[in-house]
Amino acid sequence: AQLKWLCLTASIFASGINAVDGDDCAWCTFDLSSCTDITDSSNWKLVRAIGPSHMIWFPNDDSLAGTDPYNDNSQDIYNIGNFESAVPGFNQFLFTTGDCTEWLIASRTNIWDGSGYSNQPRRVCSSSESPNPTMPKWYNRGPGVIEDPWLSTIDHHPAIQQGKLVYGENGFTSNSEGNHAGNVVPVKGGVFVFARNGGDLDINGCPEVSGCAEADIATFDWDILTEKGLDEAGVSAPEVTDFRV
């Protein structure tokens, strides 16, 4: 069987489709594998979560640096503690609502590169808006603005009314512009934050594949390559399939 592969990382097959590291959140029942639209769902570690009963945004005030202490109230707040200790070398985040309708993958540096920004386009690897990179406008004004970063699948201001925010801090609720928390947290199953070390990343915060340009297509004979059929390898795919990570 001939398969056309478009920049497919071997790590997906090495680690297993939809593989997620276990966590110690006492109340979390969310299963990332249920979010079928998130195709890049391997090797994530749950680091922060709020349940729908929390009603407001994350209580943290570390600007997503991952320095806040461990917290699990056994009901609707979870923080793993120091992110670097839990996920050494973490450089990617995955944010998703509990109902999987709003999600995005972004690099740590595209969220914060040491310079504050206000309503500026930032690079997203993939999201519920598009499987391809996008550039929604976000806010991350620095440590002095404790509700930041504001992250969303579309531009920040329309995201407030449309319920497309995926992250905010300091227990923020709402202002004259709209209900930041109420349009997301209680009605979309809470919000879950995952981190991982994604290896080398490209400018959009997606994993790089050495020697594979974005538009290059490589063709492999799967049976010869693995000496196994697709069924035996545990992978279901049509005879000709394009993959992109």
C-alpha atoms as a PDB file:
ATOM      1  CA  ALA A   1       0.000   0.000   0.000  1.00  0.00           C
ATOM      2  CA  GLN A   2       1.376   3.388  -0.993  1.00  0.00           C
ATOM      3  CA  LEU A   3       0.942   6.161   1.567  1.00  0.00           C
ATOM      4  CA  LYS A   4       1.696   9.791   0.887  1.00  0.00           C
ATOM      5  CA  TRP A   5       3.096  11.305   4.058  1.00  0.00           C
ATOM      6  CA  LEU A   6       3.139  15.057   4.552  1.00  0.00           C
ATOM      7  CA  CYS A   7       5.601  15.897   7.341  1.00  0.00           C
ATOM      8  CA  LEU A   8       4.399  13.154   9.698  1.00  0.00           C
ATOM      9  CA  THR A   9       6.465  12.835  12.865  1.00  0.00           C
ATOM     10  CA  ALA A  10       7.507   9.332  13.786  1.00  0.00           C
ATOM     11  CA  SER A  11       6.976  10.157  17.447  1.00  0.00           C
ATOM     12  CA  ILE A  12       3.209   9.776  17.038  1.00  0.00           C
ATOM     13  CA  PHE A  13       3.601   6.098  16.249  1.00  0.00           C
ATOM     14  CA  ALA A  14       6.394   5.574  18.762  1.00  0.00           C
ATOM     15  CA  SER A  15       4.332   6.980  21.617  1.00  0.00           C
ATOM     16  CA  GLY A  16       0.884   5.876  20.515  1.00  0.00           C
ATOM     17  CA  ILE A  17      -2.069   7.790  19.137  1.00  0.00           C
ATOM     18  CA  ASN A  18      -3.835   9.919  21.761  1.00  0.00           C
ATOM     19  CA  ALA A  19      -1.285   9.010  24.417  1.00  0.00           C
ATOM     20  CA  VAL A  20      -1.552  11.322  27.434  1.00  0.00           C
ATOM     21  CA  ASP A  21       0.529  11.117  30.578  1.00  0.00           C
ATOM     22  CA  GLY A  22      -1.443  10.294  33.680  1.00  0.00           C
ATOM     23  CA  ASP A  23      -2.203  12.996  36.217  1.00  0.00           C
ATOM     24  CA  ASP A  24      -3.124  13.168  39.873  1.00  0.00           C
ATOM     25  CA  CYS A  25      -6.108  15.497  39.606  1.00  0.00           C
ATOM     26  CA  ALA A  26      -8.638  14.158  42.114  1.00  0.00           C
ATOM     27  CA  TRP A  27     -11.744  15.435  40.336  1.00  0.00           C
ATOM     28  CA  CYS A  28     -10.781  15.517  36.650  1.00  0.00           C
ATOM     29  CA  THR A  29     -12.708  13.071  34.493  1.00  0.00           C
ATOM     30  CA  PHE A  30     -11.813  14.767  31.223  1.00  0.00           C
ATOM     31  CA  ASP A  31     -10.377  12.442  28.566  1.00  0.00           C
ATOM     32  CA  LEU A  32      -8.331  14.148  25.858  1.00  0.00           C
ATOM     33  CA  SER A  33      -8.887  11.226  23.498  1.00  0.00           C
ATOM     34  CA  SER A  34     -12.555  12.238  23.350  1.00  0.00           C
ATOM     35  CA  CYS A  35     -11.529  15.406  21.500  1.00  0.00           C
ATOM     36  CA  THR A  36     -11.353  13.745  18.099  1.00  0.00           C
ATOM     37  CA  ASP A  37     -10.595  17.005  16.269  1.00  0.00           C
ATOM     38  CA  ILE A  38      -7.306  17.359  18.171  1.00  0.00           C
ATOM     39  CA  THR A  39      -5.171  15.104  15.993  1.00  0.00           C
ATOM     40  CA  ASP A  40      -1.891  16.092  17.681  1.00  0.00           C
ATOM     41  CA  SER A  41      -2.791  14.621  21.054  1.00  0.00           C
ATOM     42  CA  SER A  42       0.291  12.631  22.038  1.00  0.00           C
ATOM     43  CA  ASN A  43       2.497  12.998  25.114  1.00  0.00           C
ATOM     44  CA  TRP A  44       0.600  15.812  26.820  1.00  0.00           C
ATOM     45  CA  LYS A  45       0.597  16.235  30.601  1.00  0.00           C
ATOM     46  CA  LEU A  46      -2.307  17.881  32.398  1.00  0.00           C
ATOM     47  CA  VAL A  47      -0.857  20.795  34.357  1.00  0.00           C
ATOM     48  CA  ARG A  48      -3.818  23.052  35.183  1.00  0.00           C
ATOM     49  CA  ALA A  49      -7.611  22.777  35.131  1.00  0.00           C
ATOM     50  CA  ILE A  50     -10.827  24.424  36.247  1.00  0.00           C
ATOM     51  CA  GLY A  51     -14.173  22.656  36.296  1.00  0.00           C
ATOM     52  CA  PRO A  52     -17.499  24.153  35.202  1.00  0.00           C
ATOM     53  CA  SER A  53     -18.634  24.720  38.781  1.00  0.00           C
ATOM     54  CA  HIS A  54     -15.698  27.094  39.323  1.00  0.00           C
ATOM     55  CA  MET A  55     -17.539  29.665  37.177  1.00  0.00           C
ATOM     56  CA  ILE A  56     -14.548  32.043  36.925  1.00  0.00           C
ATOM     57  CA  TRP A  57     -11.120  31.999  35.292  1.00  0.00           C
ATOM     58  CA  PHE A  58      -8.024  30.341  36.729  1.00  0.00           C
ATOM     59  CA  PRO A  59      -7.100  31.473  40.253  1.00  0.00           C
ATOM     60  CA  ASN A  60      -3.408  31.519  39.313  1.00  0.00           C
ATOM     61  CA  ASP A  61      -1.358  34.698  38.969  1.00  0.00           C
ATOM     62  CA  ASP A  62       1.946  33.390  37.594  1.00  0.00           C
ATOM     63  CA  SER A  63       1.293  34.525  34.004  1.00  0.00           C
ATOM     64  CA  LEU A  64       1.294  30.856  32.928  1.00  0.00           C
ATOM     65  CA  ALA A  65       4.949  30.528  33.904  1.00  0.00           C
ATOM     66  CA  GLY A  66       4.094  27.389  35.862  1.00  0.00           C
ATOM     67  CA  THR A  67       5.540  28.578  39.153  1.00  0.00           C
ATOM     68  CA  ASP A  68       2.414  28.495  41.336  1.00  0.00           C
ATOM     69  CA  PRO A  69       2.315  25.762  43.997  1.00  0.00           C
ATOM     70  CA  TYR A  70       0.373  22.519  43.811  1.00  0.00           C
ATOM     71  CA  ASN A  71      -3.362  22.957  44.297  1.00  0.00           C
ATOM     72  CA  ASP A  72      -6.212  20.461  44.091  1.00  0.00           C
ATOM     73  CA  ASN A  73      -9.418  21.326  45.898  1.00  0.00           C
ATOM     74  CA  SER A  74     -10.963  17.954  44.914  1.00  0.00           C
ATOM     75  CA  GLN A  75     -13.801  19.787  43.220  1.00  0.00           C
ATOM     76  CA  ASP A  76     -12.965  22.220  40.420  1.00  0.00           C
ATOM     77  CA  ILE A  77      -9.419  23.627  40.742  1.00  0.00           C
ATOM     78  CA  TYR A  78      -6.211  21.800  39.859  1.00  0.00           C
ATOM     79  CA  ASN A  79      -2.611  22.938  39.449  1.00  0.00           C
ATOM     80  CA  ILE A  80       0.193  20.409  39.158  1.00  0.00           C
ATOM     81  CA  GLY A  81       2.739  22.700  40.780  1.00  0.00           C
ATOM     82  CA  ASN A  82       5.973  23.632  39.058  1.00  0.00           C
ATOM     83  CA  PHE A  83       5.547  22.928  35.334  1.00  0.00           C
ATOM     84  CA  GLU A  84       9.261  22.488  34.679  1.00  0.00           C
ATOM     85  CA  SER A  85       9.522  19.790  37.325  1.00  0.00           C
ATOM     86  CA  ALA A  86       6.477  17.983  35.959  1.00  0.00           C
ATOM     87  CA  VAL A  87       7.350  18.408  32.272  1.00  0.00           C
ATOM     88  CA  PRO A  88      11.103  19.037  31.865  1.00  0.00           C
ATOM     89  CA  GLY A  89      11.848  21.340  28.938  1.00  0.00           C
ATOM     90  CA  PHE A  90       8.161  22.000  28.247  1.00  0.00           C
ATOM     91  CA  ASN A  91       7.749  24.242  25.211  1.00  0.00           C
ATOM     92  CA  GLN A  92       4.168  23.698  24.046  1.00  0.00           C
ATOM     93  CA  PHE A  93       0.731  24.168  25.558  1.00  0.00           C
ATOM     94  CA  LEU A  94      -2.611  22.666  24.634  1.00  0.00           C
ATOM     95  CA  PHE A  95      -5.698  24.441  25.945  1.00  0.00           C
ATOM     96  CA  THR A  96      -9.137  22.883  25.565  1.00  0.00           C
ATOM     97  CA  THR A  97     -12.610  23.287  26.943  1.00  0.00           C
ATOM     98  CA  GLY A  98     -14.147  20.225  28.539  1.00  0.00           C
ATOM     99  CA  ASP A  99     -16.573  19.803  25.650  1.00  0.00           C
ATOM    100  CA  CYS A 100     -13.695  20.018  23.128  1.00  0.00           C
ATOM    101  CA  THR A 101     -15.379  22.813  21.157  1.00  0.00           C
ATOM    102  CA  GLU A 102     -12.616  25.359  21.785  1.00  0.00           C
ATOM    103  CA  TRP A 103      -8.955  24.349  21.748  1.00  0.00           C
ATOM    104  CA  LEU A 104      -5.572  25.519  20.573  1.00  0.00           C
ATOM    105  CA  ILE A 105      -1.929  24.452  20.545  1.00  0.00           C
ATOM    106  CA  ALA A 106       0.729  27.143  20.924  1.00  0.00           C
ATOM    107  CA  SER A 107       4.373  27.308  21.859  1.00  0.00           C
ATOM    108  CA  ARG A 108       5.515  28.668  25.183  1.00  0.00           C
ATOM    109  CA  THR A 109       7.526  31.416  23.470  1.00  0.00           C
ATOM    110  CA  ASN A 110       4.665  32.510  21.218  1.00  0.00           C
ATOM    111  CA  ILE A 111       2.618  33.085  24.368  1.00  0.00           C
ATOM    112  CA  TRP A 112       5.433  34.932  26.139  1.00  0.00           C
ATOM    113  CA  ASP A 113       8.799  35.840  24.633  1.00  0.00           C
ATOM    114  CA  GLY A 114       9.863  38.336  27.274  1.00  0.00           C
ATOM    115  CA  SER A 115       8.104  41.326  25.737  1.00  0.00           C
ATOM    116  CA  GLY A 116       4.586  42.369  26.678  1.00  0.00           C
ATOM    117  CA  TYR A 117       1.929  42.849  24.012  1.00  0.00           C
ATOM    118  CA  SER A 118      -1.635  44.169  23.789  1.00  0.00           C
ATOM    119  CA  ASN A 119      -4.137  43.050  21.158  1.00  0.00           C
ATOM    120  CA  GLN A 120      -1.337  41.799  18.932  1.00  0.00           C
ATOM    121  CA  PRO A 121      -1.392  38.775  16.587  1.00  0.00           C
ATOM    122  CA  ARG A 122       0.393  35.738  17.975  1.00  0.00           C
ATOM    123  CA  ARG A 123       1.190  32.471  16.256  1.00  0.00           C
ATOM    124  CA  VAL A 124      -0.936  29.385  16.945  1.00  0.00           C
ATOM    125  CA  CYS A 125       0.061  25.986  15.599  1.00  0.00           C
ATOM    126  CA  SER A 126      -3.481  24.638  15.256  1.00  0.00           C
ATOM    127  CA  SER A 127      -6.853  25.210  16.854  1.00  0.00           C
ATOM    128  CA  SER A 128     -10.569  24.538  16.722  1.00  0.00           C
ATOM    129  CA  GLU A 129     -10.704  27.314  14.134  1.00  0.00           C
ATOM    130  CA  SER A 130      -8.223  25.696  11.746  1.00  0.00           C
ATOM    131  CA  PRO A 131      -5.874  22.691  11.593  1.00  0.00           C
ATOM    132  CA  ASN A 132      -3.327  25.095  10.079  1.00  0.00           C
ATOM    133  CA  PRO A 133      -1.462  27.938  11.818  1.00  0.00           C
ATOM    134  CA  THR A 134      -3.438  31.088  12.623  1.00  0.00           C
ATOM    135  CA  MET A 135      -2.613  34.424  14.268  1.00  0.00           C
ATOM    136  CA  PRO A 136      -5.335  35.555  16.688  1.00  0.00           C
ATOM    137  CA  LYS A 137      -4.828  38.778  18.633  1.00  0.00           C
ATOM    138  CA  TRP A 138      -4.049  38.256  22.319  1.00  0.00           C
ATOM    139  CA  TYR A 139      -3.071  40.165  25.445  1.00  0.00           C
ATOM    140  CA  ASN A 140      -0.068  39.366  27.614  1.00  0.00           C
ATOM    141  CA  ARG A 141       1.068  42.657  29.091  1.00  0.00           C
ATOM    142  CA  GLY A 142       3.498  41.218  31.594  1.00  0.00           C
ATOM    143  CA  PRO A 143       3.567  40.243  35.272  1.00  0.00           C
ATOM    144  CA  GLY A 144       2.011  43.537  36.408  1.00  0.00           C
ATOM    145  CA  VAL A 145      -1.314  42.662  34.740  1.00  0.00           C
ATOM    146  CA  ILE A 146      -2.320  39.662  36.777  1.00  0.00           C
ATOM    147  CA  GLU A 147      -5.288  38.487  34.700  1.00  0.00           C
ATOM    148  CA  ASP A 148      -3.006  37.969  31.687  1.00  0.00           C
ATOM    149  CA  PRO A 149      -2.346  36.111  29.495  1.00  0.00           C
ATOM    150  CA  TRP A 150      -5.648  36.240  27.640  1.00  0.00           C
ATOM    151  CA  LEU A 151      -5.584  33.458  25.058  1.00  0.00           C
ATOM    152  CA  SER A 152      -8.301  32.682  22.539  1.00  0.00           C
ATOM    153  CA  THR A 153      -8.923  30.820  19.306  1.00  0.00           C
ATOM    154  CA  ILE A 154      -9.913  34.058  17.534  1.00  0.00           C
ATOM    155  CA  ASP A 155      -9.122  37.727  18.250  1.00  0.00           C
ATOM    156  CA  HIS A 156      -9.562  38.563  21.927  1.00  0.00           C
ATOM    157  CA  HIS A 157     -12.404  41.061  21.799  1.00  0.00           C
ATOM    158  CA  PRO A 158     -14.874  39.081  19.655  1.00  0.00           C
ATOM    159  CA  ALA A 159     -13.815  35.941  21.558  1.00  0.00           C
ATOM    160  CA  ILE A 160     -15.318  37.357  24.759  1.00  0.00           C
ATOM    161  CA  GLN A 161     -18.864  37.405  23.405  1.00  0.00           C
ATOM    162  CA  GLN A 162     -18.473  34.258  21.301  1.00  0.00           C
ATOM    163  CA  GLY A 163     -17.121  32.144  24.171  1.00  0.00           C
ATOM    164  CA  LYS A 164     -13.813  31.442  22.450  1.00  0.00           C
ATOM    165  CA  LEU A 165     -11.411  32.367  25.241  1.00  0.00           C
ATOM    166  CA  VAL A 166      -9.340  29.431  26.489  1.00  0.00           C
ATOM    167  CA  TYR A 167      -7.231  31.029  29.210  1.00  0.00           C
ATOM    168  CA  GLY A 168      -7.236  33.896  31.714  1.00  0.00           C
ATOM    169  CA  GLU A 169      -6.015  34.294  35.291  1.00  0.00           C
ATOM    170  CA  ASN A 170      -6.608  35.846  38.717  1.00  0.00           C
ATOM    171  CA  GLY A 171     -10.189  34.620  38.969  1.00  0.00           C
ATOM    172  CA  PHE A 172     -11.348  37.123  36.354  1.00  0.00           C
ATOM    173  CA  THR A 173     -15.080  37.117  35.681  1.00  0.00           C
ATOM    174  CA  SER A 174     -16.388  39.932  33.492  1.00  0.00           C
ATOM    175  CA  ASN A 175     -16.310  43.632  32.685  1.00  0.00           C
ATOM    176  CA  SER A 176     -18.326  46.066  30.594  1.00  0.00           C
ATOM    177  CA  GLU A 177     -17.231  44.270  27.441  1.00  0.00           C
ATOM    178  CA  GLY A 178     -18.809  40.966  28.372  1.00  0.00           C
ATOM    179  CA  ASN A 179     -18.763  37.845  30.499  1.00  0.00           C
ATOM    180  CA  HIS A 180     -15.248  36.509  29.952  1.00  0.00           C
ATOM    181  CA  ALA A 181     -15.715  33.497  32.217  1.00  0.00           C
ATOM    182  CA  GLY A 182     -19.457  32.886  32.025  1.00  0.00           C
ATOM    183  CA  ASN A 183     -19.445  32.367  28.274  1.00  0.00           C
ATOM    184  CA  VAL A 184     -16.871  29.579  28.586  1.00  0.00           C
ATOM    185  CA  VAL A 185     -16.148  27.965  31.952  1.00  0.00           C
ATOM    186  CA  PRO A 186     -19.612  26.903  33.212  1.00  0.00           C
ATOM    187  CA  VAL A 187     -21.165  26.219  29.808  1.00  0.00           C
ATOM    188  CA  LYS A 188     -18.334  24.398  28.017  1.00  0.00           C
ATOM    189  CA  GLY A 189     -17.251  21.909  30.658  1.00  0.00           C
ATOM    190  CA  GLY A 190     -14.433  23.892  32.247  1.00  0.00           C
ATOM    191  CA  VAL A 191     -10.963  24.410  30.775  1.00  0.00           C
ATOM    192  CA  PHE A 192      -7.958  22.063  30.793  1.00  0.00           C
ATOM    193  CA  VAL A 193      -4.328  23.029  30.179  1.00  0.00           C
ATOM    194  CA  PHE A 194      -1.722  20.513  29.029  1.00  0.00           C
ATOM    195  CA  ALA A 195       2.026  20.920  28.493  1.00  0.00           C
ATOM    196  CA  ARG A 196       4.695  18.874  26.763  1.00  0.00           C
ATOM    197  CA  ASN A 197       8.220  19.006  25.448  1.00  0.00           C
ATOM    198  CA  GLY A 198       7.535  18.969  21.720  1.00  0.00           C
ATOM    199  CA  GLY A 199      11.179  18.935  20.661  1.00  0.00           C
ATOM    200  CA  ASP A 200      12.297  21.398  18.011  1.00  0.00           C
ATOM    201  CA  LEU A 201       9.483  23.725  16.979  1.00  0.00           C
ATOM    202  CA  ASP A 202       8.975  25.826  13.872  1.00  0.00           C
ATOM    203  CA  ILE A 203       8.045  29.515  13.849  1.00  0.00           C
ATOM    204  CA  ASN A 204       4.365  28.653  14.362  1.00  0.00           C
ATOM    205  CA  GLY A 205       5.105  26.530  17.413  1.00  0.00           C
ATOM    206  CA  CYS A 206       4.529  23.225  15.617  1.00  0.00           C
ATOM    207  CA  PRO A 207       6.968  20.298  15.901  1.00  0.00           C
ATOM    208  CA  GLU A 208       9.640  20.405  13.229  1.00  0.00           C
ATOM    209  CA  VAL A 209      10.496  17.416  11.090  1.00  0.00           C
ATOM    210  CA  SER A 210      14.104  17.398   9.987  1.00  0.00           C
ATOM    211  CA  GLY A 211      14.519  17.499   6.223  1.00  0.00           C
ATOM    212  CA  CYS A 212      10.806  17.891   5.524  1.00  0.00           C
ATOM    213  CA  ALA A 213       9.684  21.217   4.134  1.00  0.00           C
ATOM    214  CA  GLU A 214       6.098  22.273   4.705  1.00  0.00           C
ATOM    215  CA  ALA A 215       5.010  21.520   1.143  1.00  0.00           C
ATOM    216  CA  ASP A 216       7.171  18.409   0.600  1.00  0.00           C
ATOM    217  CA  ILE A 217       5.422  15.089   0.146  1.00  0.00           C
ATOM    218  CA  ALA A 218       7.306  11.865   0.760  1.00  0.00           C
ATOM    219  CA  THR A 219       5.956   8.519  -0.430  1.00  0.00           C
ATOM    220  CA  PHE A 220       6.694   5.296   1.425  1.00  0.00           C
ATOM    221  CA  ASP A 221       5.732   1.697   0.922  1.00  0.00           C
ATOM    222  CA  TRP A 222       4.372   1.003   4.397  1.00  0.00           C
ATOM    223  CA  ASP A 223       4.633  -2.814   4.133  1.00  0.00           C
ATOM    224  CA  ILE A 224       8.289  -2.660   3.148  1.00  0.00           C
ATOM    225  CA  LEU A 225       9.074   0.055   5.672  1.00  0.00           C
ATOM    226  CA  THR A 226       7.651  -1.797   8.654  1.00  0.00           C
ATOM    227  CA  GLU A 227       7.284  -5.389   7.411  1.00  0.00           C
ATOM    228  CA  LYS A 228       3.794  -5.121   8.829  1.00  0.00           C
ATOM    229  CA  GLY A 229       0.425  -4.191   7.431  1.00  0.00           C
ATOM    230  CA  LEU A 230      -1.506  -1.211   8.722  1.00  0.00           C
ATOM    231  CA  ASP A 231      -3.888  -3.410  10.706  1.00  0.00           C
ATOM    232  CA  GLU A 232      -1.042  -5.162  12.490  1.00  0.00           C
ATOM    233  CA  ALA A 233       0.595  -1.832  13.210  1.00  0.00           C
ATOM    234  CA  GLY A 234      -2.631  -0.628  14.801  1.00  0.00           C
ATOM    235  CA  VAL A 235      -3.154   2.267  12.379  1.00  0.00           C
ATOM    236  CA  SER A 236      -6.338   2.780  10.409  1.00  0.00           C
ATOM    237  CA  ALA A 237      -5.994   4.814   7.234  1.00  0.00           C
ATOM    238  CA  PRO A 238      -7.320   4.871   3.683  1.00  0.00           C
ATOM    239  CA  GLU A 239      -4.989   3.621   0.966  1.00  0.00           C
ATOM    240  CA  VAL A 240      -3.753   7.134   0.212  1.00  0.00           C
ATOM    241  CA  THR A 241      -3.713   9.555   3.088  1.00  0.00           C
ATOM    242  CA  ASP A 242      -2.100  12.926   3.652  1.00  0.00           C
ATOM    243  CA  PHE A 243      -0.866  13.596   7.168  1.00  0.00           C
ATOM    244  CA  ARG A 244       0.409  16.857   8.612  1.00  0.00           C
ATOM    245  CA  VAL A 245       1.626  17.636  12.125  1.00  0.00           C
END
